[in-house]
Amino acid sequence: MLNINKNKDADKMTVALEGRLDTTTAPELEASLKEDIDGVAQLVIDIEKLEYISSAGLRVLLAAQKIMNKQGSMVVSHPNEVISEIFEVTGFCDILTIE
């Protein structure tokens, strides 16, 4: 189960995720981002309430990062210990901007 809460203000979009980002929910997030990412210069993905992320979830973040590299910036904010560890083990801490 994943809750996606999007807030768009001019060219900044904040996407707050709550629950699990896995094989089942990753396509949902991917579709949701694609829907609204046009014209966004600053993307903030708030994962404070994200409990789990799988490789499928990491792929969606990577795809979003690639899009944002062309049109602006992306920040992943508030990872918990579990998610931070996954980012470190996978090397995503070097790819993503994490705050």
PDB file of N, CA and C in Angstrom:
ATOM      1  N   MET A   1       0.843  -1.189   0.000  1.00  0.00           N
ATOM      2  CA  MET A   1       0.000   0.000   0.000  1.00  0.00           C
ATOM      3  C   MET A   1       0.880   1.242   0.000  1.00  0.00           C
ATOM      4  N   LEU A   2       0.603   2.140  -0.942  1.00  0.00           N
ATOM      5  CA  LEU A   2       1.366   3.379  -1.034  1.00  0.00           C
ATOM      6  C   LEU A   2       0.416   4.552  -1.205  1.00  0.00           C
ATOM      7  N   ASN A   3       0.586   5.555  -0.355  1.00  0.00           N
ATOM      8  CA  ASN A   3      -0.164   6.803  -0.529  1.00  0.00           C
ATOM      9  C   ASN A   3       0.763   7.816  -1.180  1.00  0.00           C
ATOM     10  N   ILE A   4       0.269   8.447  -2.241  1.00  0.00           N
ATOM     11  CA  ILE A   4       1.041   9.463  -2.956  1.00  0.00           C
ATOM     12  C   ILE A   4       0.306  10.784  -2.810  1.00  0.00           C
ATOM     13  N   ASN A   5       0.960  11.738  -2.172  1.00  0.00           N
ATOM     14  CA  ASN A   5       0.338  13.035  -1.942  1.00  0.00           C
ATOM     15  C   ASN A   5       1.144  14.093  -2.691  1.00  0.00           C
ATOM     16  N   LYS A   6       0.573  14.617  -3.789  1.00  0.00           N
ATOM     17  CA  LYS A   6       1.287  15.586  -4.621  1.00  0.00           C
ATOM     18  C   LYS A   6       0.804  16.998  -4.339  1.00  0.00           C
ATOM     19  N   ASN A   7       1.775  17.915  -4.298  1.00  0.00           N
ATOM     20  CA  ASN A   7       1.463  19.317  -4.090  1.00  0.00           C
ATOM     21  C   ASN A   7       2.278  20.117  -5.089  1.00  0.00           C
ATOM     22  N   LYS A   8       1.596  20.760  -6.034  1.00  0.00           N
ATOM     23  CA  LYS A   8       2.295  21.506  -7.081  1.00  0.00           C
ATOM     24  C   LYS A   8       2.084  23.002  -6.865  1.00  0.00           C
ATOM     25  N   ASP A   9       3.204  23.729  -6.853  1.00  0.00           N
ATOM     26  CA  ASP A   9       3.153  25.169  -6.676  1.00  0.00           C
ATOM     27  C   ASP A   9       4.059  25.793  -7.725  1.00  0.00           C
ATOM     28  N   ALA A  10       3.468  26.388  -8.747  1.00  0.00           N
ATOM     29  CA  ALA A  10       4.212  26.931  -9.901  1.00  0.00           C
ATOM     30  C   ALA A  10       5.076  25.825 -10.501  1.00  0.00           C
ATOM     31  N   ASP A  11       6.407  26.002 -10.487  1.00  0.00           N
ATOM     32  CA  ASP A  11       7.262  24.979 -11.099  1.00  0.00           C
ATOM     33  C   ASP A  11       7.922  24.065 -10.066  1.00  0.00           C
ATOM     34  N   LYS A  12       7.377  24.068  -8.845  1.00  0.00           N
ATOM     35  CA  LYS A  12       7.893  23.176  -7.804  1.00  0.00           C
ATOM     36  C   LYS A  12       6.820  22.147  -7.447  1.00  0.00           C
ATOM     37  N   MET A  13       7.217  20.887  -7.394  1.00  0.00           N
ATOM     38  CA  MET A  13       6.267  19.848  -7.000  1.00  0.00           C
ATOM     39  C   MET A  13       6.865  19.027  -5.869  1.00  0.00           C
ATOM     40  N   THR A  14       6.049  18.853  -4.829  1.00  0.00           N
ATOM     41  CA  THR A  14       6.442  18.000  -3.714  1.00  0.00           C
ATOM     42  C   THR A  14       5.576  16.751  -3.750  1.00  0.00           C
ATOM     43  N   VAL A  15       6.225  15.607  -3.682  1.00  0.00           N
ATOM     44  CA  VAL A  15       5.515  14.333  -3.682  1.00  0.00           C
ATOM     45  C   VAL A  15       5.851  13.634  -2.374  1.00  0.00           C
ATOM     46  N   ALA A  16       4.846  13.501  -1.511  1.00  0.00           N
ATOM     47  CA  ALA A  16       5.053  12.833  -0.225  1.00  0.00           C
ATOM     48  C   ALA A  16       4.575  11.386  -0.351  1.00  0.00           C
ATOM     49  N   LEU A  17       5.454  10.461   0.012  1.00  0.00           N
ATOM     50  CA  LEU A  17       5.126   9.040  -0.092  1.00  0.00           C
ATOM     51  C   LEU A  17       4.943   8.449   1.297  1.00  0.00           C
ATOM     52  N   GLU A  18       3.943   7.600   1.420  1.00  0.00           N
ATOM     53  CA  GLU A  18       3.665   6.955   2.709  1.00  0.00           C
ATOM     54  C   GLU A  18       3.338   5.495   2.453  1.00  0.00           C
ATOM     55  N   GLY A  19       4.054   4.599   3.148  1.00  0.00           N
ATOM     56  CA  GLY A  19       3.786   3.172   2.998  1.00  0.00           C
ATOM     57  C   GLY A  19       4.962   2.440   2.389  1.00  0.00           C
ATOM     58  N   ARG A  20       4.668   1.579   1.407  1.00  0.00           N
ATOM     59  CA  ARG A  20       5.694   0.740   0.795  1.00  0.00           C
ATOM     60  C   ARG A  20       5.808   1.026  -0.697  1.00  0.00           C
ATOM     61  N   LEU A  21       7.038   1.254  -1.129  1.00  0.00           N
ATOM     62  CA  LEU A  21       7.305   1.454  -2.556  1.00  0.00           C
ATOM     63  C   LEU A  21       7.982   0.185  -3.054  1.00  0.00           C
ATOM     64  N   ASP A  22       7.174  -0.694  -3.641  1.00  0.00           N
ATOM     65  CA  ASP A  22       7.688  -1.994  -4.066  1.00  0.00           C
ATOM     66  C   ASP A  22       7.196  -2.335  -5.469  1.00  0.00           C
ATOM     67  N   THR A  23       7.347  -3.577  -5.857  1.00  0.00           N
ATOM     68  CA  THR A  23       6.971  -4.020  -7.203  1.00  0.00           C
ATOM     69  C   THR A  23       5.522  -3.708  -7.520  1.00  0.00           C
ATOM     70  N   THR A  24       4.664  -3.802  -6.514  1.00  0.00           N
ATOM     71  CA  THR A  24       3.236  -3.570  -6.711  1.00  0.00           C
ATOM     72  C   THR A  24       2.912  -2.093  -6.868  1.00  0.00           C
ATOM     73  N   THR A  25       3.563  -1.248  -6.083  1.00  0.00           N
ATOM     74  CA  THR A  25       3.201   0.172  -6.046  1.00  0.00           C
ATOM     75  C   THR A  25       4.085   1.070  -6.926  1.00  0.00           C
ATOM     76  N   ALA A  26       5.246   0.581  -7.333  1.00  0.00           N
ATOM     77  CA  ALA A  26       6.167   1.389  -8.150  1.00  0.00           C
ATOM     78  C   ALA A  26       5.521   1.889  -9.454  1.00  0.00           C
ATOM     79  N   PRO A  27       4.788   1.036 -10.192  1.00  0.00           N
ATOM     80  CA  PRO A  27       4.162   1.530 -11.430  1.00  0.00           C
ATOM     81  C   PRO A  27       3.174   2.673 -11.176  1.00  0.00           C
ATOM     82  N   GLU A  28       2.521   2.625 -10.026  1.00  0.00           N
ATOM     83  CA  GLU A  28       1.566   3.667  -9.632  1.00  0.00           C
ATOM     84  C   GLU A  28       2.289   5.008  -9.458  1.00  0.00           C
ATOM     85  N   LEU A  29       3.428   4.979  -8.771  1.00  0.00           N
ATOM     86  CA  LEU A  29       4.212   6.203  -8.564  1.00  0.00           C
ATOM     87  C   LEU A  29       4.768   6.704  -9.891  1.00  0.00           C
ATOM     88  N   GLU A  30       5.254   5.776 -10.714  1.00  0.00           N
ATOM     89  CA  GLU A  30       5.817   6.150 -12.006  1.00  0.00           C
ATOM     90  C   GLU A  30       4.772   6.872 -12.868  1.00  0.00           C
ATOM     91  N   ALA A  31       3.582   6.318 -12.919  1.00  0.00           N
ATOM     92  CA  ALA A  31       2.491   6.925 -13.697  1.00  0.00           C
ATOM     93  C   ALA A  31       2.119   8.288 -13.129  1.00  0.00           C
ATOM     94  N   SER A  32       2.072   8.368 -11.809  1.00  0.00           N
ATOM     95  CA  SER A  32       1.704   9.601 -11.130  1.00  0.00           C
ATOM     96  C   SER A  32       2.730  10.705 -11.410  1.00  0.00           C
ATOM     97  N   LEU A  33       3.998  10.355 -11.397  1.00  0.00           N
ATOM     98  CA  LEU A  33       5.045  11.347 -11.676  1.00  0.00           C
ATOM     99  C   LEU A  33       5.000  11.793 -13.136  1.00  0.00           C
ATOM    100  N   LYS A  34       4.872  10.838 -14.043  1.00  0.00           N
ATOM    101  CA  LYS A  34       4.847  11.166 -15.474  1.00  0.00           C
ATOM    102  C   LYS A  34       3.709  12.124 -15.807  1.00  0.00           C
ATOM    103  N   GLU A  35       2.612  11.943 -15.111  1.00  0.00           N
ATOM    104  CA  GLU A  35       1.410  12.749 -15.307  1.00  0.00           C
ATOM    105  C   GLU A  35       1.677  14.236 -15.053  1.00  0.00           C
ATOM    106  N   ASP A  36       2.499  14.526 -14.048  1.00  0.00           N
ATOM    107  CA  ASP A  36       2.642  15.911 -13.585  1.00  0.00           C
ATOM    108  C   ASP A  36       4.048  16.498 -13.686  1.00  0.00           C
ATOM    109  N   ILE A  37       4.999  15.755 -14.234  1.00  0.00           N
ATOM    110  CA  ILE A  37       6.397  16.213 -14.166  1.00  0.00           C
ATOM    111  C   ILE A  37       6.744  17.255 -15.232  1.00  0.00           C
ATOM    112  N   ASP A  38       5.917  17.381 -16.270  1.00  0.00           N
ATOM    113  CA  ASP A  38       6.172  18.379 -17.307  1.00  0.00           C
ATOM    114  C   ASP A  38       6.167  19.785 -16.717  1.00  0.00           C
ATOM    115  N   GLY A  39       7.202  20.548 -17.008  1.00  0.00           N
ATOM    116  CA  GLY A  39       7.257  21.923 -16.542  1.00  0.00           C
ATOM    117  C   GLY A  39       7.724  22.079 -15.107  1.00  0.00           C
ATOM    118  N   VAL A  40       8.023  20.970 -14.442  1.00  0.00           N
ATOM    119  CA  VAL A  40       8.504  21.046 -13.055  1.00  0.00           C
ATOM    120  C   VAL A  40      10.007  21.279 -13.074  1.00  0.00           C
ATOM    121  N   ALA A  41      10.455  22.328 -12.376  1.00  0.00           N
ATOM    122  CA  ALA A  41      11.881  22.644 -12.322  1.00  0.00           C
ATOM    123  C   ALA A  41      12.500  22.129 -11.025  1.00  0.00           C
ATOM    124  N   GLN A  42      11.650  21.977 -10.017  1.00  0.00           N
ATOM    125  CA  GLN A  42      12.144  21.505  -8.720  1.00  0.00           C
ATOM    126  C   GLN A  42      11.208  20.422  -8.209  1.00  0.00           C
ATOM    127  N   LEU A  43      11.744  19.204  -8.084  1.00  0.00           N
ATOM    128  CA  LEU A  43      10.953  18.077  -7.595  1.00  0.00           C
ATOM    129  C   LEU A  43      11.486  17.643  -6.242  1.00  0.00           C
ATOM    130  N   VAL A  44      10.599  17.617  -5.250  1.00  0.00           N
ATOM    131  CA  VAL A  44      10.976  17.146  -3.916  1.00  0.00           C
ATOM    132  C   VAL A  44      10.176  15.887  -3.636  1.00  0.00           C
ATOM    133  N   ILE A  45      10.882  14.804  -3.356  1.00  0.00           N
ATOM    134  CA  ILE A  45      10.200  13.565  -2.995  1.00  0.00           C
ATOM    135  C   ILE A  45      10.438  13.338  -1.509  1.00  0.00           C
ATOM    136  N   ASP A  46       9.374  13.520  -0.740  1.00  0.00           N
ATOM    137  CA  ASP A  46       9.452  13.415   0.717  1.00  0.00           C
ATOM    138  C   ASP A  46       9.134  11.973   1.108  1.00  0.00           C
ATOM    139  N   ILE A  47      10.127  11.269   1.654  1.00  0.00           N
ATOM    140  CA  ILE A  47       9.931   9.854   1.986  1.00  0.00           C
ATOM    141  C   ILE A  47       9.964   9.611   3.502  1.00  0.00           C
ATOM    142  N   GLU A  48       9.622  10.647   4.241  1.00  0.00           N
ATOM    143  CA  GLU A  48       9.639  10.545   5.708  1.00  0.00           C
ATOM    144  C   GLU A  48       8.778   9.375   6.199  1.00  0.00           C
ATOM    145  N   LYS A  49       7.631   9.148   5.540  1.00  0.00           N
ATOM    146  CA  LYS A  49       6.708   8.108   6.001  1.00  0.00           C
ATOM    147  C   LYS A  49       6.790   6.832   5.154  1.00  0.00           C
ATOM    148  N   LEU A  50       7.854   6.734   4.342  1.00  0.00           N
ATOM    149  CA  LEU A  50       8.055   5.534   3.541  1.00  0.00           C
ATOM    150  C   LEU A  50       8.687   4.456   4.417  1.00  0.00           C
ATOM    151  N   GLU A  51       8.050   3.292   4.470  1.00  0.00           N
ATOM    152  CA  GLU A  51       8.528   2.221   5.347  1.00  0.00           C
ATOM    153  C   GLU A  51       9.517   1.303   4.644  1.00  0.00           C
ATOM    154  N   TYR A  52       9.363   1.186   3.315  1.00  0.00           N
ATOM    155  CA  TYR A  52      10.150   0.203   2.587  1.00  0.00           C
ATOM    156  C   TYR A  52      10.292   0.640   1.134  1.00  0.00           C
ATOM    157  N   ILE A  53      11.447   0.357   0.535  1.00  0.00           N
ATOM    158  CA  ILE A  53      11.629   0.602  -0.895  1.00  0.00           C
ATOM    159  C   ILE A  53      12.350  -0.593  -1.503  1.00  0.00           C
ATOM    160  N   SER A  54      11.820  -1.104  -2.610  1.00  0.00           N
ATOM    161  CA  SER A  54      12.439  -2.243  -3.291  1.00  0.00           C
ATOM    162  C   SER A  54      13.216  -1.736  -4.493  1.00  0.00           C
ATOM    163  N   SER A  55      13.838  -2.649  -5.220  1.00  0.00           N
ATOM    164  CA  SER A  55      14.590  -2.256  -6.416  1.00  0.00           C
ATOM    165  C   SER A  55      13.668  -1.612  -7.445  1.00  0.00           C
ATOM    166  N   ALA A  56      12.426  -2.045  -7.491  1.00  0.00           N
ATOM    167  CA  ALA A  56      11.453  -1.438  -8.419  1.00  0.00           C
ATOM    168  C   ALA A  56      11.222   0.030  -8.047  1.00  0.00           C
ATOM    169  N   GLY A  57      11.138   0.302  -6.758  1.00  0.00           N
ATOM    170  CA  GLY A  57      10.970   1.669  -6.268  1.00  0.00           C
ATOM    171  C   GLY A  57      12.194   2.519  -6.572  1.00  0.00           C
ATOM    172  N   LEU A  58      13.381   1.921  -6.402  1.00  0.00           N
ATOM    173  CA  LEU A  58      14.624   2.634  -6.701  1.00  0.00           C
ATOM    174  C   LEU A  58      14.683   3.006  -8.181  1.00  0.00           C
ATOM    175  N   ARG A  59      14.211   2.100  -9.039  1.00  0.00           N
ATOM    176  CA  ARG A  59      14.199   2.372 -10.480  1.00  0.00           C
ATOM    177  C   ARG A  59      13.332   3.585 -10.813  1.00  0.00           C
ATOM    178  N   VAL A  60      12.190   3.706 -10.125  1.00  0.00           N
ATOM    179  CA  VAL A  60      11.300   4.849 -10.371  1.00  0.00           C
ATOM    180  C   VAL A  60      11.999   6.153  -9.952  1.00  0.00           C
ATOM    181  N   LEU A  61      12.684   6.128  -8.819  1.00  0.00           N
ATOM    182  CA  LEU A  61      13.417   7.318  -8.368  1.00  0.00           C
ATOM    183  C   LEU A  61      14.516   7.678  -9.366  1.00  0.00           C
ATOM    184  N   LEU A  62      15.199   6.654  -9.879  1.00  0.00           N
ATOM    185  CA  LEU A  62      16.268   6.879 -10.841  1.00  0.00           C
ATOM    186  C   LEU A  62      15.725   7.479 -12.136  1.00  0.00           C
ATOM    187  N   ALA A  63      14.592   6.964 -12.595  1.00  0.00           N
ATOM    188  CA  ALA A  63      13.957   7.484 -13.819  1.00  0.00           C
ATOM    189  C   ALA A  63      13.552   8.943 -13.628  1.00  0.00           C
ATOM    190  N   ALA A  64      12.991   9.255 -12.449  1.00  0.00           N
ATOM    191  CA  ALA A  64      12.595  10.633 -12.139  1.00  0.00           C
ATOM    192  C   ALA A  64      13.827  11.534 -12.106  1.00  0.00           C
ATOM    193  N   GLN A  65      14.912  11.025 -11.534  1.00  0.00           N
ATOM    194  CA  GLN A  65      16.158  11.799 -11.454  1.00  0.00           C
ATOM    195  C   GLN A  65      16.681  12.117 -12.857  1.00  0.00           C
ATOM    196  N   LYS A  66      16.611  11.133 -13.753  1.00  0.00           N
ATOM    197  CA  LYS A  66      17.087  11.341 -15.129  1.00  0.00           C
ATOM    198  C   LYS A  66      16.275  12.434 -15.825  1.00  0.00           C
ATOM    199  N   ILE A  67      14.971  12.424 -15.632  1.00  0.00           N
ATOM    200  CA  ILE A  67      14.107  13.453 -16.218  1.00  0.00           C
ATOM    201  C   ILE A  67      14.465  14.814 -15.627  1.00  0.00           C
ATOM    202  N   MET A  68      14.603  14.860 -14.308  1.00  0.00           N
ATOM    203  CA  MET A  68      14.870  16.129 -13.638  1.00  0.00           C
ATOM    204  C   MET A  68      16.273  16.668 -13.933  1.00  0.00           C
ATOM    205  N   ASN A  69      17.218  15.788 -14.269  1.00  0.00           N
ATOM    206  CA  ASN A  69      18.558  16.251 -14.664  1.00  0.00           C
ATOM    207  C   ASN A  69      18.462  17.148 -15.885  1.00  0.00           C
ATOM    208  N   LYS A  70      17.470  16.886 -16.746  1.00  0.00           N
ATOM    209  CA  LYS A  70      17.308  17.651 -17.977  1.00  0.00           C
ATOM    210  C   LYS A  70      16.529  18.948 -17.745  1.00  0.00           C
ATOM    211  N   GLN A  71      15.629  18.951 -16.760  1.00  0.00           N
ATOM    212  CA  GLN A  71      14.739  20.107 -16.638  1.00  0.00           C
ATOM    213  C   GLN A  71      14.794  20.826 -15.293  1.00  0.00           C
ATOM    214  N   GLY A  72      15.675  20.405 -14.416  1.00  0.00           N
ATOM    215  CA  GLY A  72      15.747  21.085 -13.118  1.00  0.00           C
ATOM    216  C   GLY A  72      16.478  20.257 -12.090  1.00  0.00           C
ATOM    217  N   SER A  73      15.922  20.215 -10.882  1.00  0.00           N
ATOM    218  CA  SER A  73      16.593  19.489  -9.801  1.00  0.00           C
ATOM    219  C   SER A  73      15.603  18.611  -9.052  1.00  0.00           C
ATOM    220  N   MET A  74      16.149  17.582  -8.410  1.00  0.00           N
ATOM    221  CA  MET A  74      15.326  16.684  -7.603  1.00  0.00           C
ATOM    222  C   MET A  74      16.017  16.428  -6.277  1.00  0.00           C
ATOM    223  N   VAL A  75      15.231  16.474  -5.213  1.00  0.00           N
ATOM    224  CA  VAL A  75      15.736  16.192  -3.876  1.00  0.00           C
ATOM    225  C   VAL A  75      14.865  15.111  -3.252  1.00  0.00           C
ATOM    226  N   VAL A  76      15.515  14.143  -2.614  1.00  0.00           N
ATOM    227  CA  VAL A  76      14.789  13.134  -1.837  1.00  0.00           C
ATOM    228  C   VAL A  76      14.990  13.530  -0.379  1.00  0.00           C
ATOM    229  N   SER A  77      13.871  13.800   0.314  1.00  0.00           N
ATOM    230  CA  SER A  77      14.014  14.334   1.672  1.00  0.00           C
ATOM    231  C   SER A  77      13.485  13.387   2.748  1.00  0.00           C
ATOM    232  N   HIS A  78      14.060  13.528   3.920  1.00  0.00           N
ATOM    233  CA  HIS A  78      13.667  12.840   5.157  1.00  0.00           C
ATOM    234  C   HIS A  78      13.675  11.310   5.105  1.00  0.00           C
ATOM    235  N   PRO A  79      14.727  10.679   4.557  1.00  0.00           N
ATOM    236  CA  PRO A  79      14.732   9.207   4.611  1.00  0.00           C
ATOM    237  C   PRO A  79      14.945   8.725   6.042  1.00  0.00           C
ATOM    238  N   ASN A  80      14.262   7.651   6.409  1.00  0.00           N
ATOM    239  CA  ASN A  80      14.489   7.074   7.741  1.00  0.00           C
ATOM    240  C   ASN A  80      15.748   6.202   7.683  1.00  0.00           C
ATOM    241  N   GLU A  81      16.093   5.582   8.807  1.00  0.00           N
ATOM    242  CA  GLU A  81      17.324   4.789   8.879  1.00  0.00           C
ATOM    243  C   GLU A  81      17.326   3.625   7.895  1.00  0.00           C
ATOM    244  N   VAL A  82      16.211   2.928   7.820  1.00  0.00           N
ATOM    245  CA  VAL A  82      16.101   1.758   6.945  1.00  0.00           C
ATOM    246  C   VAL A  82      16.320   2.155   5.488  1.00  0.00           C
ATOM    247  N   ILE A  83      15.626   3.203   5.057  1.00  0.00           N
ATOM    248  CA  ILE A  83      15.722   3.659   3.670  1.00  0.00           C
ATOM    249  C   ILE A  83      17.123   4.217   3.393  1.00  0.00           C
ATOM    250  N   SER A  84      17.675   4.969   4.343  1.00  0.00           N
ATOM    251  CA  SER A  84      19.032   5.514   4.184  1.00  0.00           C
ATOM    252  C   SER A  84      20.037   4.393   3.973  1.00  0.00           C
ATOM    253  N   GLU A  85      19.863   3.312   4.719  1.00  0.00           N
ATOM    254  CA  GLU A  85      20.763   2.167   4.604  1.00  0.00           C
ATOM    255  C   GLU A  85      20.650   1.535   3.206  1.00  0.00           C
ATOM    256  N   ILE A  86      19.419   1.420   2.710  1.00  0.00           N
ATOM    257  CA  ILE A  86      19.204   0.870   1.363  1.00  0.00           C
ATOM    258  C   ILE A  86      19.889   1.767   0.325  1.00  0.00           C
ATOM    259  N   PHE A  87      19.752   3.092   0.483  1.00  0.00           N
ATOM    260  CA  PHE A  87      20.397   4.031  -0.442  1.00  0.00           C
ATOM    261  C   PHE A  87      21.918   3.856  -0.408  1.00  0.00           C
ATOM    262  N   GLU A  88      22.472   3.648   0.800  1.00  0.00           N
ATOM    263  CA  GLU A  88      23.921   3.501   0.928  1.00  0.00           C
ATOM    264  C   GLU A  88      24.402   2.194   0.297  1.00  0.00           C
ATOM    265  N   VAL A  89      23.721   1.104   0.608  1.00  0.00           N
ATOM    266  CA  VAL A  89      24.108  -0.215   0.106  1.00  0.00           C
ATOM    267  C   VAL A  89      24.044  -0.269  -1.422  1.00  0.00           C
ATOM    268  N   THR A  90      23.028   0.383  -2.001  1.00  0.00           N
ATOM    269  CA  THR A  90      22.838   0.334  -3.454  1.00  0.00           C
ATOM    270  C   THR A  90      23.646   1.403  -4.190  1.00  0.00           C
ATOM    271  N   GLY A  91      24.248   2.336  -3.443  1.00  0.00           N
ATOM    272  CA  GLY A  91      24.998   3.414  -4.073  1.00  0.00           C
ATOM    273  C   GLY A  91      24.118   4.570  -4.517  1.00  0.00           C
ATOM    274  N   PHE A  92      22.834   4.511  -4.182  1.00  0.00           N
ATOM    275  CA  PHE A  92      21.916   5.579  -4.591  1.00  0.00           C
ATOM    276  C   PHE A  92      22.217   6.886  -3.866  1.00  0.00           C
ATOM    277  N   CYS A  93      22.913   6.793  -2.730  1.00  0.00           N
ATOM    278  CA  CYS A  93      23.266   8.023  -2.010  1.00  0.00           C
ATOM    279  C   CYS A  93      24.228   8.867  -2.850  1.00  0.00           C
ATOM    280  N   ASP A  94      24.901   8.242  -3.821  1.00  0.00           N
ATOM    281  CA  ASP A  94      25.799   8.990  -4.708  1.00  0.00           C
ATOM    282  C   ASP A  94      25.080   9.526  -5.942  1.00  0.00           C
ATOM    283  N   ILE A  95      23.940   8.941  -6.260  1.00  0.00           N
ATOM    284  CA  ILE A  95      23.195   9.318  -7.466  1.00  0.00           C
ATOM    285  C   ILE A  95      22.154  10.391  -7.152  1.00  0.00           C
ATOM    286  N   LEU A  96      21.477  10.221  -6.015  1.00  0.00           N
ATOM    287  CA  LEU A  96      20.381  11.123  -5.645  1.00  0.00           C
ATOM    288  C   LEU A  96      20.868  12.215  -4.704  1.00  0.00           C
ATOM    289  N   THR A  97      20.174  13.334  -4.698  1.00  0.00           N
ATOM    290  CA  THR A  97      20.425  14.380  -3.705  1.00  0.00           C
ATOM    291  C   THR A  97      19.504  14.087  -2.535  1.00  0.00           C
ATOM    292  N   ILE A  98      20.088  13.707  -1.414  1.00  0.00           N
ATOM    293  CA  ILE A  98      19.285  13.299  -0.255  1.00  0.00           C
ATOM    294  C   ILE A  98      19.503  14.278   0.880  1.00  0.00           C
ATOM    295  N   GLU A  99      18.371  14.757   1.448  1.00  0.00           N
ATOM    296  CA  GLU A  99      18.472  15.727   2.542  1.00  0.00           C
ATOM    297  C   GLU A  99      17.792  15.191   3.779  1.00  0.00           C
TER     298      GLU A  99
END
